[in-house]
Amino acid sequence: MRAKMIIQLLQQMESICHHQGTDNGQSLVCCSLEKHKNQPPPKKPCGQQLTFITPKILSTVEDFTIKGEFPWTAIIYVKNTANEWTFCGTGALISPRAILTAHHKCQNFRKSPDHFKVVMTGDEVRHNVGENAENQRNVIEIIKHPDYYSATKVFDAALLILDREFSSDVVNTICLPSDDTNENSGRCLVSGWGTTAEFQGVVKLKKIRVPLVPFEKCQTSLRTTKELGQYFQLNKCFICAGGEDGMDACLGDGGNPLMCPTPNGDGYYHAGIVSWGVQCGKKGIPGVYVSTRKIKGWITDELSRINLAF
């Protein structure tokens, strides 16, 4: 019985090894997979985490992530005047060669693309340029949303096109939202390497879970702030989340995705781009995100224009 099971297993591997085992009383030997070792790993469904355990999500506690929890998180670096690579912002891998981020995070987008690099490791620790060449990519094109306006940050979005794909077994893309995505209720996740992310000398990715806030309620809340005032008009390109005391994206977190669970609960989709807010974690004042659903047409048009899969 045991030998028969081994034969069946080897037969199942035939399409990989191109060799079939037999049971003739001698030892059964599997063929070498040498010629397959350099092939890219099979494509994973978007939005799926790559952890060996189910991450624990706490709604009232800011917490560090674990390796593989958000494998689409991309670290963006820019070359400064001293010719050094410095942390610029964060984005999300939405296609093997495309990063979605906030336009405002890297005002140096006015520089040429070769002033930027993207690092992705699937890790919770923020790695730097030069640590591992296999984990970094060059930016060859920067596509800014045509309706971006710096004074109000409307359509605060940009796509970074990479010189080659990220296709390792520790990296994955995040899904784009469906056209009928609910943007008014539920809880979603946001993470970042912002000002509160340093822990014992290491910059680690932190996460929080925040409630989605209906558009009109968000606008009303923002009008209570002295910074914006009672006549403030929130642009329809935005959605809101948060408003709980001490639980918010903050300085340095711009460009990160607002990640909501997919309807079947087996992954996450990109609901919004961390854009701006009034202070950080102020009770009753939500954070403001660019709605990914409302710029999805622009994203898909641009990726189709340059023949990128998503």
Protein backbone atom coordinates (compact mmCIF):
# COMPACT_ATOMS: atom_id res chain seq x y z
CA MET A 1 0.00 0.00 0.00
CA ARG A 2 2.79 2.41 0.94
CA ALA A 3 4.67 1.72 -2.31
CA LYS A 4 1.49 2.31 -4.29
CA MET A 5 1.00 5.70 -2.61
CA ILE A 6 4.59 6.65 -3.46
CA ILE A 7 4.04 5.68 -7.11
CA GLN A 8 0.89 7.81 -7.24
CA LEU A 9 2.78 10.74 -5.78
CA LEU A 10 5.56 10.40 -8.36
CA GLN A 11 3.01 10.16 -11.14
CA GLN A 12 1.44 13.37 -9.95
CA MET A 13 4.88 14.98 -10.20
CA GLU A 14 5.32 13.80 -13.79
CA SER A 15 4.28 17.11 -15.29
CA ILE A 16 7.00 18.75 -13.20
CA CYS A 17 9.77 16.15 -13.48
CA HIS A 18 8.82 14.59 -16.82
CA HIS A 19 9.65 11.21 -15.30
CA GLN A 20 7.42 8.46 -13.97
CA GLY A 21 8.32 6.16 -11.11
CA THR A 22 7.81 2.40 -11.21
CA ASP A 23 7.63 -0.30 -8.57
CA ASN A 24 9.90 -3.15 -9.63
CA GLY A 25 11.19 -4.13 -6.24
CA GLN A 26 14.03 -1.63 -6.40
CA SER A 27 14.38 1.79 -4.79
CA LEU A 28 12.13 4.50 -6.18
CA VAL A 29 14.08 7.64 -7.18
CA CYS A 30 12.52 10.99 -7.95
CA CYS A 31 14.02 12.95 -10.81
CA SER A 32 15.91 16.19 -10.27
CA LEU A 33 14.06 19.51 -10.25
CA GLU A 34 17.27 21.37 -11.13
CA LYS A 35 15.98 22.95 -14.32
CA HIS A 36 12.92 24.28 -12.52
CA LYS A 37 14.67 25.94 -9.59
CA ASN A 38 15.10 29.31 -11.34
CA GLN A 39 11.53 29.52 -12.56
CA PRO A 40 9.38 32.17 -10.85
CA PRO A 41 6.93 30.88 -8.25
CA PRO A 42 3.33 30.36 -9.38
CA LYS A 43 1.16 33.47 -9.29
CA LYS A 44 -0.70 33.89 -6.01
CA PRO A 45 -4.25 35.30 -5.77
CA CYS A 46 -4.09 39.02 -5.03
CA GLY A 47 -4.72 40.18 -1.48
CA GLN A 48 -3.63 36.98 0.21
CA GLN A 49 -1.30 37.18 3.18
CA LEU A 50 1.82 35.02 3.25
CA THR A 51 2.04 34.18 6.93
CA PHE A 52 2.26 30.74 8.51
CA ILE A 53 -0.15 31.79 11.26
CA THR A 54 -3.28 33.94 11.27
CA PRO A 55 -2.28 37.46 12.36
CA LYS A 56 -4.08 38.76 15.42
CA ILE A 57 -5.99 41.98 14.80
CA LEU A 58 -6.91 44.16 17.76
CA SER A 59 -9.35 47.00 17.19
CA THR A 60 -8.22 49.12 20.13
CA VAL A 61 -4.48 48.50 20.19
CA GLU A 62 -1.75 49.66 17.82
CA ASP A 63 0.40 46.64 17.12
CA PHE A 64 3.42 45.50 15.14
CA THR A 65 2.91 43.27 12.12
CA ILE A 66 4.50 39.90 11.44
CA LYS A 67 6.48 38.77 8.41
CA GLY A 68 4.27 38.18 5.38
CA GLU A 69 1.21 39.88 6.85
CA PHE A 70 1.13 42.67 4.26
CA PRO A 71 3.33 41.34 1.44
CA TRP A 72 2.27 44.11 -0.96
CA THR A 73 3.84 46.87 1.16
CA ALA A 74 6.53 48.71 -0.81
CA ILE A 75 9.21 51.03 0.59
CA ILE A 76 10.08 53.96 -1.67
CA TYR A 77 13.51 55.62 -1.54
CA VAL A 78 14.73 58.81 -3.20
CA LYS A 79 18.30 59.90 -3.88
CA ASN A 80 19.11 63.15 -2.06
CA THR A 81 21.58 65.90 -2.98
CA ALA A 82 24.35 64.00 -1.18
CA ASN A 83 23.71 61.05 -3.53
CA GLU A 84 22.31 58.97 -0.63
CA TRP A 85 19.14 56.87 -0.67
CA THR A 86 16.64 58.20 1.89
CA PHE A 87 13.19 56.95 2.90
CA CYS A 88 10.58 58.77 0.84
CA GLY A 89 7.31 57.00 1.49
CA THR A 90 5.32 53.81 1.15
CA GLY A 91 3.07 52.31 -1.47
CA ALA A 92 1.34 49.07 -2.44
CA LEU A 93 2.10 46.55 -5.18
CA ILE A 94 -1.03 46.35 -7.35
CA SER A 95 0.69 44.70 -10.31
CA PRO A 96 4.02 42.84 -10.38
CA ARG A 97 5.58 45.98 -11.90
CA ALA A 98 3.41 48.80 -10.51
CA ILE A 99 3.25 50.57 -7.14
CA LEU A 100 0.26 52.73 -6.14
CA THR A 101 1.19 55.53 -3.72
CA ALA A 102 0.30 59.08 -2.70
CA HIS A 103 1.54 61.81 -5.00
CA HIS A 104 2.34 64.17 -2.11
CA LYS A 105 4.66 61.77 -0.29
CA CYS A 106 7.47 62.28 -2.73
CA GLN A 107 7.29 65.84 -3.91
CA ASN A 108 10.56 64.97 -5.58
CA PHE A 109 8.52 63.14 -8.20
CA ARG A 110 9.60 66.13 -10.28
CA LYS A 111 12.96 64.39 -10.43
CA SER A 112 13.65 61.76 -13.06
CA PRO A 113 12.54 58.20 -12.29
CA ASP A 114 16.13 57.00 -11.84
CA HIS A 115 16.25 59.00 -8.59
CA PHE A 116 13.90 56.42 -7.04
CA LYS A 117 14.12 52.82 -5.93
CA VAL A 118 11.53 50.47 -4.43
CA VAL A 119 12.38 47.82 -1.82
CA MET A 120 10.07 44.88 -1.04
CA THR A 121 10.91 42.00 1.28
CA GLY A 122 7.55 40.93 2.74
CA ASP A 123 9.18 41.68 6.08
CA GLU A 124 7.93 43.75 9.00
CA VAL A 125 11.30 45.52 9.27
CA ARG A 126 12.04 48.49 7.01
CA HIS A 127 15.02 47.46 4.89
CA ASN A 128 17.29 49.89 3.08
CA VAL A 129 18.58 50.17 -0.46
CA GLY A 130 21.69 48.05 -1.00
CA GLU A 131 20.95 45.33 1.56
CA ASN A 132 19.82 42.83 -1.07
CA ALA A 133 19.73 43.62 -4.79
CA GLU A 134 17.08 40.94 -5.39
CA ASN A 135 14.66 42.83 -3.15
CA GLN A 136 14.90 46.17 -4.92
CA ARG A 137 13.75 47.56 -8.26
CA ASN A 138 14.43 50.70 -10.27
CA VAL A 139 11.62 53.08 -11.16
CA ILE A 140 11.45 53.70 -14.91
CA GLU A 141 8.26 55.77 -15.12
CA ILE A 142 6.20 57.92 -12.78
CA ILE A 143 2.54 58.40 -13.70
CA LYS A 144 0.85 61.20 -11.75
CA HIS A 145 -2.90 61.49 -11.53
CA PRO A 146 -3.81 64.28 -13.99
CA ASP A 147 -6.25 65.94 -11.56
CA TYR A 148 -3.89 66.13 -8.57
CA TYR A 149 -3.89 69.55 -6.86
CA SER A 150 -1.29 70.07 -4.17
CA ALA A 151 -3.20 72.72 -2.18
CA THR A 152 -6.09 70.37 -1.38
CA LYS A 153 -4.48 67.00 -2.21
CA VAL A 154 -7.41 65.98 -4.39
CA PHE A 155 -6.59 62.88 -6.44
CA ASP A 156 -3.42 62.42 -4.40
CA ALA A 157 -2.22 59.39 -6.35
CA ALA A 158 0.71 58.24 -8.45
CA LEU A 159 1.86 55.03 -10.08
CA LEU A 160 5.51 53.99 -10.03
CA ILE A 161 6.39 51.65 -12.90
CA LEU A 162 9.29 49.31 -12.16
CA ASP A 163 12.03 47.99 -14.43
CA ARG A 164 11.15 44.37 -13.66
CA GLU A 165 8.57 42.35 -11.78
CA PHE A 166 8.51 41.45 -8.13
CA SER A 167 7.82 37.72 -8.26
CA SER A 168 9.39 36.21 -5.15
CA ASP A 169 7.55 33.87 -2.79
CA VAL A 170 7.52 36.56 -0.06
CA VAL A 171 5.79 39.26 -2.13
CA ASN A 172 2.20 39.50 -3.37
CA THR A 173 -0.08 42.07 -4.94
CA ILE A 174 -3.15 43.57 -3.27
CA CYS A 175 -6.49 43.49 -5.08
CA LEU A 176 -8.21 46.53 -6.51
CA PRO A 177 -11.76 47.16 -5.24
CA SER A 178 -14.89 46.12 -7.06
CA ASP A 179 -17.07 48.82 -8.61
CA ASP A 180 -19.76 48.36 -5.94
CA THR A 181 -17.43 48.46 -2.94
CA ASN A 182 -18.99 49.70 0.30
CA GLU A 183 -17.09 52.79 1.49
CA ASN A 184 -19.36 53.75 4.39
CA SER A 185 -19.19 50.98 6.97
CA GLY A 186 -17.00 48.19 8.27
CA ARG A 187 -13.49 48.08 9.68
CA CYS A 188 -10.29 48.09 7.68
CA LEU A 189 -6.56 48.00 8.35
CA VAL A 190 -3.89 50.60 7.82
CA SER A 191 -0.19 50.14 8.41
CA GLY A 192 2.92 52.24 8.19
CA TRP A 193 6.52 53.00 9.05
CA GLY A 194 5.62 56.47 10.30
CA THR A 195 6.72 58.42 13.37
CA THR A 196 5.58 55.81 15.92
CA ALA A 197 7.10 52.81 14.16
CA GLU A 198 10.57 52.75 15.72
CA PHE A 199 11.04 50.00 18.28
CA GLN A 200 14.35 49.39 20.06
CA GLY A 201 16.28 51.03 17.24
CA VAL A 202 14.52 49.09 14.46
CA VAL A 203 11.83 50.61 12.26
CA LYS A 204 9.01 48.04 12.19
CA LEU A 205 5.73 48.09 10.33
CA LYS A 206 2.79 48.89 12.60
CA LYS A 207 -0.90 48.31 12.02
CA ILE A 208 -4.22 49.52 13.36
CA ARG A 209 -7.82 48.71 12.56
CA VAL A 210 -10.06 51.69 11.85
CA PRO A 211 -13.78 52.13 11.08
CA LEU A 212 -14.94 53.49 7.75
CA VAL A 213 -16.85 56.75 8.18
CA PRO A 214 -19.69 57.83 5.84
CA PHE A 215 -18.79 60.78 3.61
CA GLU A 216 -21.30 63.31 5.01
CA LYS A 217 -20.45 62.42 8.61
CA CYS A 218 -16.77 62.83 7.84
CA GLN A 219 -17.28 66.24 6.25
CA THR A 220 -19.34 67.40 9.23
CA SER A 221 -16.62 66.24 11.63
CA LEU A 222 -13.87 67.97 9.67
CA ARG A 223 -15.86 71.23 9.71
CA THR A 224 -15.61 71.30 13.51
CA THR A 225 -11.85 71.78 13.34
CA LYS A 226 -10.36 75.26 13.47
CA GLU A 227 -7.99 74.33 10.66
CA LEU A 228 -10.82 73.74 8.16
CA GLY A 229 -13.86 75.58 9.50
CA GLN A 230 -17.60 75.29 9.01
CA TYR A 231 -17.64 75.86 5.23
CA PHE A 232 -15.11 73.19 4.32
CA GLN A 233 -16.07 71.04 1.33
CA LEU A 234 -14.61 67.55 1.18
CA ASN A 235 -13.90 66.50 -2.39
CA LYS A 236 -15.77 63.43 -3.60
CA CYS A 237 -12.51 61.69 -4.51
CA PHE A 238 -11.92 61.04 -0.79
CA ILE A 239 -13.19 58.52 1.73
CA CYS A 240 -12.68 58.61 5.49
CA ALA A 241 -11.70 56.19 8.23
CA GLY A 242 -10.77 56.44 11.89
CA GLY A 243 -11.87 59.02 14.41
CA GLU A 244 -10.98 56.88 17.43
CA ASP A 245 -8.71 58.32 20.09
CA GLY A 246 -5.06 57.61 19.35
CA MET A 247 -5.83 55.27 16.45
CA ASP A 248 -4.82 56.81 13.15
CA ALA A 249 -2.27 56.92 10.35
CA CYS A 250 0.22 59.68 11.08
CA LEU A 251 3.26 61.56 9.81
CA GLY A 252 5.27 59.34 7.48
CA ASP A 253 2.39 56.96 6.71
CA GLY A 254 1.18 58.69 3.54
CA GLY A 255 0.95 56.43 0.50
CA ASN A 256 0.07 53.34 2.50
CA PRO A 257 -3.06 51.43 1.51
CA LEU A 258 -6.27 51.28 3.51
CA MET A 259 -6.83 47.53 3.42
CA CYS A 260 -10.34 46.10 3.71
CA PRO A 261 -11.28 42.42 3.83
CA THR A 262 -12.63 40.93 0.63
CA PRO A 263 -16.29 39.83 0.70
CA ASN A 264 -15.34 36.15 1.03
CA GLY A 265 -12.90 36.96 3.83
CA ASP A 266 -9.85 35.27 2.31
CA GLY A 267 -7.81 38.39 1.59
CA TYR A 268 -7.68 42.17 1.32
CA TYR A 269 -8.37 44.83 -1.28
CA HIS A 270 -6.95 48.32 -1.65
CA ALA A 271 -9.72 50.68 -0.49
CA GLY A 272 -7.83 53.96 -0.21
CA ILE A 273 -4.48 55.78 -0.15
CA VAL A 274 -3.41 57.43 3.12
CA SER A 275 -3.46 61.12 2.17
CA TRP A 276 -4.06 63.68 4.92
CA GLY A 277 -5.75 64.49 8.21
CA VAL A 278 -6.15 67.09 10.95
CA GLN A 279 -3.62 66.17 13.63
CA CYS A 280 -3.24 62.43 14.29
CA GLY A 281 -5.58 60.16 16.21
CA LYS A 282 -7.86 62.95 17.40
CA LYS A 283 -11.13 61.55 18.71
CA GLY A 284 -14.06 62.31 16.42
CA ILE A 285 -11.85 63.45 13.53
CA PRO A 286 -11.35 60.79 10.83
CA GLY A 287 -8.34 60.49 8.57
CA VAL A 288 -8.76 61.20 4.85
CA TYR A 289 -7.90 58.73 2.09
CA VAL A 290 -8.07 58.88 -1.70
CA SER A 291 -10.77 56.41 -2.75
CA THR A 292 -9.18 53.65 -4.81
CA ARG A 293 -12.56 52.82 -6.31
CA LYS A 294 -12.88 56.37 -7.65
CA ILE A 295 -9.48 56.28 -9.35
CA LYS A 296 -9.70 52.66 -10.47
CA GLY A 297 -10.55 53.68 -14.04
CA TRP A 298 -7.41 55.80 -14.24
CA ILE A 299 -5.30 52.97 -12.79
CA THR A 300 -6.58 50.32 -15.19
CA ASP A 301 -6.33 52.65 -18.20
CA GLU A 302 -2.71 53.50 -17.43
CA LEU A 303 -1.66 49.91 -16.78
CA SER A 304 -3.41 48.78 -19.97
CA ARG A 305 -1.67 51.55 -21.91
CA ILE A 306 1.73 50.12 -21.04
CA ASN A 307 0.57 46.48 -21.27
CA LEU A 308 0.89 45.61 -17.58
CA ALA A 309 -1.22 42.88 -16.03
CA PHE A 310 -3.16 43.59 -12.85
